[in-house]
Amino acid sequence: MNLKSENLVEIRRDFHRFPELGFKEKRTKDKIIGYLKELGLDVHSGAGIVGVLRSGEGNKVIGLRADMDALPIRETNTHDYVSNNTGVMHACGHDGHTTMLLGAAKYLADTKNFAGRVALIFQPAEENGGGAGVMCKEGIMDKFSIDKVFGIHTLPGAPLGRFETNSNTVFAASDDFTINIKGNGGHGAYPEQTVDPIIMATHISQAMQSIASRNIPALKPIVISITQIHSGTAYNIIPETAFINGTVRTLNKETQEVVKKRIEEICEGFSKAFKGKIELNYNYGYPATINYKDEAVFASNVAKQISGEDNVNSDAEPDMGAEDFSYMLHERPGAFLNLGQGEGPGVHNTKFDFNDDLSPIGASFFVKLIETGLPIN
């Protein structure tokens, strides 16, 4: 496809038709590489893609990031660009994020109204796998001498073009836990002869809900969600085992460690109380996404030039969702912003669709950020 003959709507809908899961974005990568090479960028491919555009004599480098992967969801939309890959869907707007960054690349390559270098980062596996972290481990920040890095994410429900961010924590840390419970099964009529794993599972689940209300100060938000409990095969059999799974969302390391310690203590306590064996596997996931103050203020001021001062909230409440852009902010100063796309189904919904009216707004933000951050003297 010839980028110069495509508009952003057509590009985005092509990505939407052919979604790919994390670390399997082969077609998506090939398309992006083709677009960037057509624009004359220096293109590097690893786990993801970095396209470098230079203009003028400046030495500073700003990184702009988009994510490429889709979700394992069966789409229920009926539009003419519905997913052709059954069971895989762009349900989080990554097709739009990629399109916005390509639109910015096109404009910046044509105008070159900046002095320095732009590193256009297209990362894999944001949804599951931490593709941003993988690219950081590959050394992209040092290899391309990136000084600062910025990203945006579509925000369903917020007015079209409204930017939301803050100068501190934007998204929560995301951990998960698995609890394997082993008892001693038997006949449901003779429970006294068993060690019931279901009793242990229900007590653990209830006790974990007390962590937020009894162990964490009320003004420190946390989320503990038990999302799976599995056990048993028949109405008259007390099973041998049970399984609990869920997620923990916290905004700072101190709270995160308190929650982990309390889950460990709860599991240990009920193991002794009910004479069963309880094994906890607590997995640290994406760290909290924490903006740098100066970069967040800078990005907010740029956003105001795009959408107007009244359409930028630079003191938004933290979101208990998670973002692996956090790994990039662990390596370099930067900021992450949400960008409203209007009313409609939320992300990770089978009927979600990125609003194509948002692509020019996001692309314009990226362009203005570069022209402002890398000015021609």
Protein backbone atom coordinates (compact mmCIF):
# COMPACT_ATOMS: atom_id res chain seq x y z
CA MET A 1 0.00 0.00 0.00
CA ASN A 2 1.15 3.50 -0.78
CA LEU A 3 0.97 5.62 2.38
CA LYS A 4 0.70 8.83 0.38
CA SER A 5 -2.52 7.62 -1.27
CA GLU A 6 -4.10 6.31 1.92
CA ASN A 7 -6.02 8.36 4.44
CA LEU A 8 -5.94 7.58 8.13
CA VAL A 9 -9.37 5.96 8.13
CA GLU A 10 -8.38 3.42 5.50
CA ILE A 11 -5.10 2.64 7.24
CA ARG A 12 -6.76 2.16 10.62
CA ARG A 13 -9.53 -0.05 9.27
CA ASP A 14 -7.01 -2.21 7.47
CA PHE A 15 -5.24 -2.83 10.79
CA HIS A 16 -8.63 -3.54 12.36
CA ARG A 17 -9.46 -6.19 9.76
CA PHE A 18 -6.28 -8.13 10.48
CA PRO A 19 -5.61 -8.00 14.24
CA GLU A 20 -2.75 -10.00 15.72
CA LEU A 21 -1.95 -11.06 19.28
CA GLY A 22 1.11 -9.96 21.22
CA PHE A 23 4.50 -10.98 19.77
CA LYS A 24 2.66 -12.32 16.70
CA GLU A 25 2.14 -8.98 14.95
CA LYS A 26 3.88 -10.07 11.72
CA ARG A 27 1.52 -8.55 9.16
CA THR A 28 1.12 -5.43 11.27
CA LYS A 29 4.89 -4.99 11.54
CA ASP A 30 5.40 -5.56 7.83
CA LYS A 31 2.82 -2.88 6.99
CA ILE A 32 4.33 -0.36 9.41
CA ILE A 33 7.87 -1.01 8.16
CA GLY A 34 6.67 -0.49 4.59
CA TYR A 35 5.00 2.82 5.48
CA LEU A 36 8.05 4.12 7.36
CA LYS A 37 10.52 3.14 4.65
CA GLU A 38 8.34 4.84 2.05
CA LEU A 39 8.65 8.01 4.11
CA GLY A 40 12.44 7.70 4.09
CA LEU A 41 12.87 6.86 7.77
CA ASP A 42 15.72 4.78 9.15
CA VAL A 43 13.83 1.66 10.28
CA HIS A 44 15.00 -0.86 12.89
CA SER A 45 13.10 -4.06 13.71
CA GLY A 46 13.43 -6.18 16.83
CA ALA A 47 10.63 -7.21 19.15
CA GLY A 48 8.97 -4.05 17.87
CA ILE A 49 9.86 -1.31 15.42
CA VAL A 50 11.75 1.95 15.82
CA GLY A 51 11.66 4.41 12.94
CA VAL A 52 14.07 7.35 13.21
CA LEU A 53 13.47 10.68 11.49
CA ARG A 54 16.11 13.41 11.55
CA SER A 55 15.77 17.10 10.71
CA GLY A 56 18.18 19.96 11.19
CA GLU A 57 21.19 20.02 13.48
CA GLY A 58 19.58 19.37 16.87
CA ASN A 59 20.93 16.55 19.04
CA LYS A 60 17.89 15.89 21.23
CA VAL A 61 15.77 12.81 20.62
CA ILE A 62 12.09 12.45 21.57
CA GLY A 63 10.42 9.05 21.50
CA LEU A 64 6.75 8.63 20.55
CA ARG A 65 5.13 5.29 21.29
CA ALA A 66 2.19 3.32 19.89
CA ASP A 67 1.15 -0.28 20.60
CA MET A 68 0.30 -2.80 17.87
CA ASP A 69 -1.28 -5.89 19.45
CA ALA A 70 -4.91 -6.99 19.68
CA LEU A 71 -6.89 -9.05 22.19
CA PRO A 72 -8.17 -12.66 22.22
CA ILE A 73 -11.80 -11.51 21.85
CA ARG A 74 -14.39 -12.51 19.26
CA GLU A 75 -15.71 -9.31 17.70
CA THR A 76 -19.52 -8.85 17.53
CA ASN A 77 -19.57 -5.68 15.43
CA THR A 78 -21.15 -5.83 11.97
CA HIS A 79 -19.33 -3.06 10.10
CA ASP A 80 -17.58 -3.87 6.83
CA TYR A 81 -14.11 -3.89 8.38
CA VAL A 82 -14.86 -6.42 11.13
CA SER A 83 -11.97 -8.66 12.21
CA ASN A 84 -11.08 -11.37 9.71
CA ASN A 85 -9.15 -13.29 12.36
CA THR A 86 -11.75 -15.21 14.35
CA GLY A 87 -11.28 -14.83 18.08
CA VAL A 88 -8.87 -11.90 17.75
CA MET A 89 -9.97 -8.27 17.86
CA HIS A 90 -8.64 -4.74 18.21
CA ALA A 91 -10.75 -4.04 21.29
CA CYS A 92 -8.45 -1.52 22.97
CA GLY A 93 -7.72 1.01 20.24
CA HIS A 94 -4.20 -0.10 19.37
CA ASP A 95 -5.12 0.01 15.69
CA GLY A 96 -5.93 3.68 16.24
CA HIS A 97 -2.79 4.40 18.27
CA THR A 98 -0.65 2.96 15.48
CA THR A 99 -2.55 4.98 12.88
CA MET A 100 -2.12 8.23 14.82
CA LEU A 101 1.62 7.72 15.03
CA LEU A 102 1.85 6.88 11.32
CA GLY A 103 -0.12 10.03 10.53
CA ALA A 104 2.31 12.07 12.62
CA ALA A 105 5.24 10.38 10.87
CA LYS A 106 3.84 11.34 7.46
CA TYR A 107 3.41 15.00 8.40
CA LEU A 108 6.78 15.28 10.15
CA ALA A 109 8.57 13.63 7.23
CA ASP A 110 6.90 16.02 4.78
CA THR A 111 7.43 19.24 6.73
CA LYS A 112 10.51 18.62 8.88
CA ASN A 113 9.62 21.62 10.97
CA PHE A 114 11.83 20.56 13.87
CA ALA A 115 15.50 20.24 14.77
CA GLY A 116 16.66 16.94 16.19
CA ARG A 117 15.50 13.35 15.93
CA VAL A 118 12.18 11.62 16.45
CA ALA A 119 12.12 7.93 17.44
CA LEU A 120 8.78 6.43 16.43
CA ILE A 121 8.29 3.38 18.66
CA PHE A 122 5.79 0.69 17.65
CA GLN A 123 5.72 -1.88 20.41
CA PRO A 124 4.26 -5.40 20.58
CA ALA A 125 2.34 -7.13 23.35
CA GLU A 126 1.03 -4.30 25.51
CA GLU A 127 -1.98 -6.38 26.56
CA ASN A 128 -0.04 -9.37 27.81
CA GLY A 129 3.69 -9.81 27.75
CA GLY A 130 5.06 -6.37 28.50
CA GLY A 131 6.33 -5.55 25.02
CA ALA A 132 7.50 -2.12 26.19
CA GLY A 133 9.70 -3.79 28.79
CA VAL A 134 11.06 -6.20 26.18
CA MET A 135 12.01 -3.31 23.89
CA CYS A 136 13.68 -1.52 26.80
CA LYS A 137 15.69 -4.68 27.56
CA GLU A 138 16.74 -4.70 23.92
CA GLY A 139 18.30 -1.31 24.69
CA ILE A 140 16.25 1.00 22.48
CA MET A 141 16.59 3.97 24.85
CA ASP A 142 20.39 3.92 24.69
CA LYS A 143 20.69 2.67 21.10
CA PHE A 144 18.65 5.58 19.79
CA SER A 145 19.77 8.07 22.48
CA ILE A 146 16.16 8.80 23.44
CA ASP A 147 15.95 11.69 25.90
CA LYS A 148 12.20 11.74 26.59
CA VAL A 149 9.26 9.54 25.66
CA PHE A 150 5.53 10.17 25.29
CA GLY A 151 2.42 8.12 24.56
CA ILE A 152 -1.37 8.43 24.39
CA HIS A 153 -4.32 6.04 24.75
CA THR A 154 -7.89 6.36 23.58
CA LEU A 155 -10.45 6.94 26.34
CA PRO A 156 -14.03 5.87 25.57
CA GLY A 157 -16.68 7.84 27.44
CA ALA A 158 -14.69 11.07 27.55
CA PRO A 159 -15.62 13.81 25.06
CA LEU A 160 -13.95 13.57 21.68
CA GLY A 161 -10.56 15.27 21.78
CA ARG A 162 -10.44 15.74 25.55
CA PHE A 163 -6.98 15.04 27.01
CA GLU A 164 -6.64 13.69 30.54
CA THR A 165 -3.43 13.19 32.49
CA ASN A 166 -1.65 14.24 35.69
CA SER A 167 1.83 14.95 37.02
CA ASN A 168 2.07 11.80 39.09
CA THR A 169 0.53 8.32 38.86
CA VAL A 170 -1.61 7.81 35.77
CA PHE A 171 -2.17 4.04 35.91
CA ALA A 172 -1.89 1.47 38.68
CA ALA A 173 0.55 -1.38 39.06
CA SER A 174 -1.03 -4.64 37.96
CA ASP A 175 -0.18 -7.87 39.81
CA ASP A 176 -1.85 -11.25 39.70
CA PHE A 177 -2.04 -14.14 42.12
CA THR A 178 -2.80 -17.84 41.99
CA ILE A 179 -3.70 -19.82 45.10
CA ASN A 180 -3.60 -23.61 44.90
CA ILE A 181 -5.39 -25.35 47.75
CA LYS A 182 -4.96 -29.03 48.58
CA GLY A 183 -7.21 -30.78 51.04
CA ASN A 184 -8.41 -34.33 51.47
CA GLY A 185 -11.49 -35.23 49.47
CA GLY A 186 -14.29 -37.61 50.32
CA HIS A 187 -18.02 -38.21 50.39
CA GLY A 188 -20.21 -35.15 50.76
CA ALA A 189 -22.23 -36.99 53.46
CA TYR A 190 -19.17 -37.39 55.69
CA PRO A 191 -17.38 -34.02 55.69
CA GLU A 192 -15.78 -34.74 59.07
CA GLN A 193 -13.56 -37.27 57.28
CA THR A 194 -12.24 -34.68 54.83
CA VAL A 195 -10.17 -31.52 54.66
CA ASP A 196 -12.47 -29.40 52.53
CA PRO A 197 -10.64 -27.14 50.02
CA ILE A 198 -13.86 -25.30 49.17
CA ILE A 199 -14.24 -24.12 52.77
CA MET A 200 -10.66 -22.90 52.65
CA ALA A 201 -11.25 -21.15 49.33
CA THR A 202 -14.34 -19.30 50.56
CA HIS A 203 -12.65 -18.18 53.77
CA ILE A 204 -9.58 -16.96 51.91
CA SER A 205 -11.74 -15.06 49.41
CA GLN A 206 -13.71 -13.32 52.15
CA ALA A 207 -10.61 -12.50 54.20
CA MET A 208 -8.86 -10.97 51.21
CA GLN A 209 -11.69 -8.49 50.80
CA SER A 210 -10.89 -7.14 54.27
CA ILE A 211 -7.40 -6.03 53.20
CA ALA A 212 -8.69 -2.86 51.54
CA SER A 213 -11.00 -1.95 54.42
CA ARG A 214 -8.82 -2.95 57.38
CA ASN A 215 -5.16 -2.87 56.33
CA ILE A 216 -4.89 0.04 53.87
CA PRO A 217 -5.68 3.70 54.73
CA ALA A 218 -9.01 4.74 53.28
CA LEU A 219 -7.50 7.45 51.07
CA LYS A 220 -5.13 5.03 49.30
CA PRO A 221 -7.01 3.34 46.45
CA ILE A 222 -6.47 -0.37 45.83
CA VAL A 223 -8.35 -3.07 43.97
CA ILE A 224 -8.31 -6.76 44.85
CA SER A 225 -10.48 -8.77 42.49
CA ILE A 226 -10.87 -12.53 42.69
CA THR A 227 -11.76 -13.52 39.15
CA GLN A 228 -11.64 -17.31 39.24
CA ILE A 229 -12.54 -20.03 41.74
CA HIS A 230 -12.54 -23.60 40.46
CA SER A 231 -13.19 -26.82 42.33
CA GLY A 232 -15.29 -29.95 42.40
CA THR A 233 -16.88 -32.40 39.97
CA ALA A 234 -20.14 -33.63 41.52
CA TYR A 235 -22.79 -32.69 44.09
CA ASN A 236 -21.87 -35.47 46.54
CA ILE A 237 -18.07 -35.35 46.36
CA ILE A 238 -15.91 -33.07 48.48
CA PRO A 239 -12.99 -32.41 46.12
CA GLU A 240 -9.30 -32.76 46.75
CA THR A 241 -8.23 -29.36 45.41
CA ALA A 242 -9.39 -25.81 44.71
CA PHE A 243 -7.93 -22.95 42.71
CA ILE A 244 -8.23 -19.18 43.21
CA ASN A 245 -6.99 -16.54 40.77
CA GLY A 246 -7.24 -12.76 40.62
CA THR A 247 -5.65 -9.35 40.23
CA VAL A 248 -4.26 -6.67 42.55
CA ARG A 249 -4.05 -2.99 41.53
CA THR A 250 -2.08 -0.50 43.62
CA LEU A 251 -0.70 3.00 43.10
CA ASN A 252 2.53 2.79 45.10
CA LYS A 253 5.13 0.25 46.18
CA GLU A 254 4.34 0.52 49.89
CA THR A 255 0.69 -0.42 49.42
CA GLN A 256 1.65 -3.16 46.98
CA GLU A 257 3.93 -4.80 49.55
CA VAL A 258 1.32 -4.57 52.33
CA VAL A 259 -1.23 -6.32 50.13
CA LYS A 260 1.18 -9.09 49.15
CA LYS A 261 2.20 -9.67 52.78
CA ARG A 262 -1.42 -9.83 53.96
CA ILE A 263 -2.36 -12.36 51.26
CA GLU A 264 0.60 -14.49 52.35
CA GLU A 265 -0.50 -14.28 55.99
CA ILE A 266 -4.10 -15.12 55.17
CA CYS A 267 -3.07 -18.19 53.19
CA GLU A 268 -0.71 -19.34 55.93
CA GLY A 269 -3.32 -18.78 58.63
CA PHE A 270 -6.09 -20.75 56.94
CA SER A 271 -3.66 -23.49 56.02
CA LYS A 272 -3.05 -24.03 59.73
CA ALA A 273 -6.67 -23.49 60.74
CA PHE A 274 -8.08 -26.06 58.32
CA LYS A 275 -5.07 -28.41 58.15
CA GLY A 276 -4.75 -28.10 54.40
CA LYS A 277 -1.91 -27.15 52.09
CA ILE A 278 -2.16 -23.70 50.52
CA GLU A 279 0.37 -22.50 47.96
CA LEU A 280 0.42 -18.84 46.89
CA ASN A 281 2.05 -17.67 43.68
CA TYR A 282 2.11 -13.86 43.64
CA ASN A 283 3.32 -12.38 40.36
CA TYR A 284 4.48 -8.76 40.08
CA GLY A 285 3.11 -7.43 36.79
CA TYR A 286 3.34 -4.03 35.15
CA PRO A 287 4.60 -1.35 37.53
CA ALA A 288 2.59 1.81 38.10
CA THR A 289 2.69 4.32 35.25
CA ILE A 290 4.12 7.44 36.86
CA ASN A 291 4.51 10.62 34.83
CA TYR A 292 7.38 13.05 35.28
CA LYS A 293 6.08 16.41 36.42
CA ASP A 294 7.88 18.66 33.92
CA GLU A 295 7.07 16.39 30.98
CA ALA A 296 3.42 16.07 32.03
CA VAL A 297 3.08 19.86 32.23
CA PHE A 298 4.78 20.20 28.85
CA ALA A 299 2.51 17.58 27.23
CA SER A 300 -0.59 19.18 28.78
CA ASN A 301 0.39 22.57 27.35
CA VAL A 302 0.83 20.99 23.92
CA ALA A 303 -2.56 19.31 24.26
CA LYS A 304 -4.15 22.68 25.02
CA GLN A 305 -2.87 23.97 21.68
CA ILE A 306 -4.65 21.08 19.97
CA SER A 307 -7.93 20.82 21.86
CA GLY A 308 -8.22 24.09 23.79
CA GLU A 309 -7.55 24.82 27.43
CA ASP A 310 -11.03 23.83 28.57
CA ASN A 311 -10.67 20.41 26.94
CA VAL A 312 -7.54 19.36 28.84
CA ASN A 313 -7.65 17.97 32.37
CA SER A 314 -4.09 18.00 33.66
CA ASP A 315 -5.08 16.88 37.16
CA ALA A 316 -7.04 13.72 36.37
CA GLU A 317 -7.55 11.00 38.96
CA PRO A 318 -5.34 7.91 38.61
CA ASP A 319 -6.84 5.00 36.70
CA MET A 320 -6.75 1.52 38.26
CA GLY A 321 -6.07 0.01 34.85
CA ALA A 322 -2.47 -0.72 33.90
CA GLU A 323 -0.11 0.25 31.08
CA ASP A 324 3.26 -1.24 30.16
CA PHE A 325 4.37 2.23 29.01
CA SER A 326 5.44 2.30 32.66
CA TYR A 327 8.60 0.39 31.68
CA MET A 328 9.61 3.20 29.33
CA LEU A 329 9.03 5.78 32.06
CA HIS A 330 11.37 3.75 34.29
CA GLU A 331 14.08 4.35 31.69
CA ARG A 332 13.43 7.92 30.57
CA PRO A 333 11.46 11.02 31.60
CA GLY A 334 8.15 11.38 29.85
CA ALA A 335 4.39 11.42 30.15
CA PHE A 336 1.34 9.42 29.17
CA LEU A 337 -2.06 10.91 28.34
CA ASN A 338 -5.56 9.61 27.73
CA LEU A 339 -7.50 11.04 24.79
CA GLY A 340 -11.31 10.99 24.75
CA GLN A 341 -13.04 9.37 21.80
CA GLY A 342 -16.68 10.06 22.74
CA GLU A 343 -19.48 7.80 23.85
CA GLY A 344 -19.59 4.11 23.01
CA PRO A 345 -18.59 0.70 24.34
CA GLY A 346 -15.57 0.62 26.60
CA VAL A 347 -12.27 -1.05 25.83
CA HIS A 348 -12.06 -4.87 25.93
CA ASN A 349 -15.72 -5.01 24.88
CA THR A 350 -16.77 -7.18 21.92
CA LYS A 351 -18.43 -4.12 20.33
CA PHE A 352 -15.63 -1.61 20.93
CA ASP A 353 -14.37 0.31 17.92
CA PHE A 354 -11.82 3.09 17.74
CA ASN A 355 -13.34 6.41 16.68
CA ASP A 356 -11.70 7.40 13.40
CA ASP A 357 -12.40 11.08 14.13
CA LEU A 358 -9.73 10.79 16.80
CA SER A 359 -6.83 9.89 14.48
CA PRO A 360 -6.18 13.45 13.19
CA ILE A 361 -6.34 14.80 16.75
CA GLY A 362 -3.83 12.29 18.09
CA ALA A 363 -1.55 12.74 15.09
CA SER A 364 -1.70 16.53 15.50
CA PHE A 365 -0.77 16.20 19.17
CA PHE A 366 2.30 14.13 18.33
CA VAL A 367 3.33 16.62 15.62
CA LYS A 368 2.88 19.67 17.85
CA LEU A 369 4.77 17.92 20.66
CA ILE A 370 7.76 17.39 18.37
CA GLU A 371 7.67 20.88 16.84
CA THR A 372 7.47 22.39 20.33
CA GLY A 373 9.96 20.07 22.00
CA LEU A 374 12.51 20.17 19.16
CA PRO A 375 12.21 23.76 17.89
CA ILE A 376 14.18 25.16 14.99
CA ASN A 377 16.40 27.96 16.32
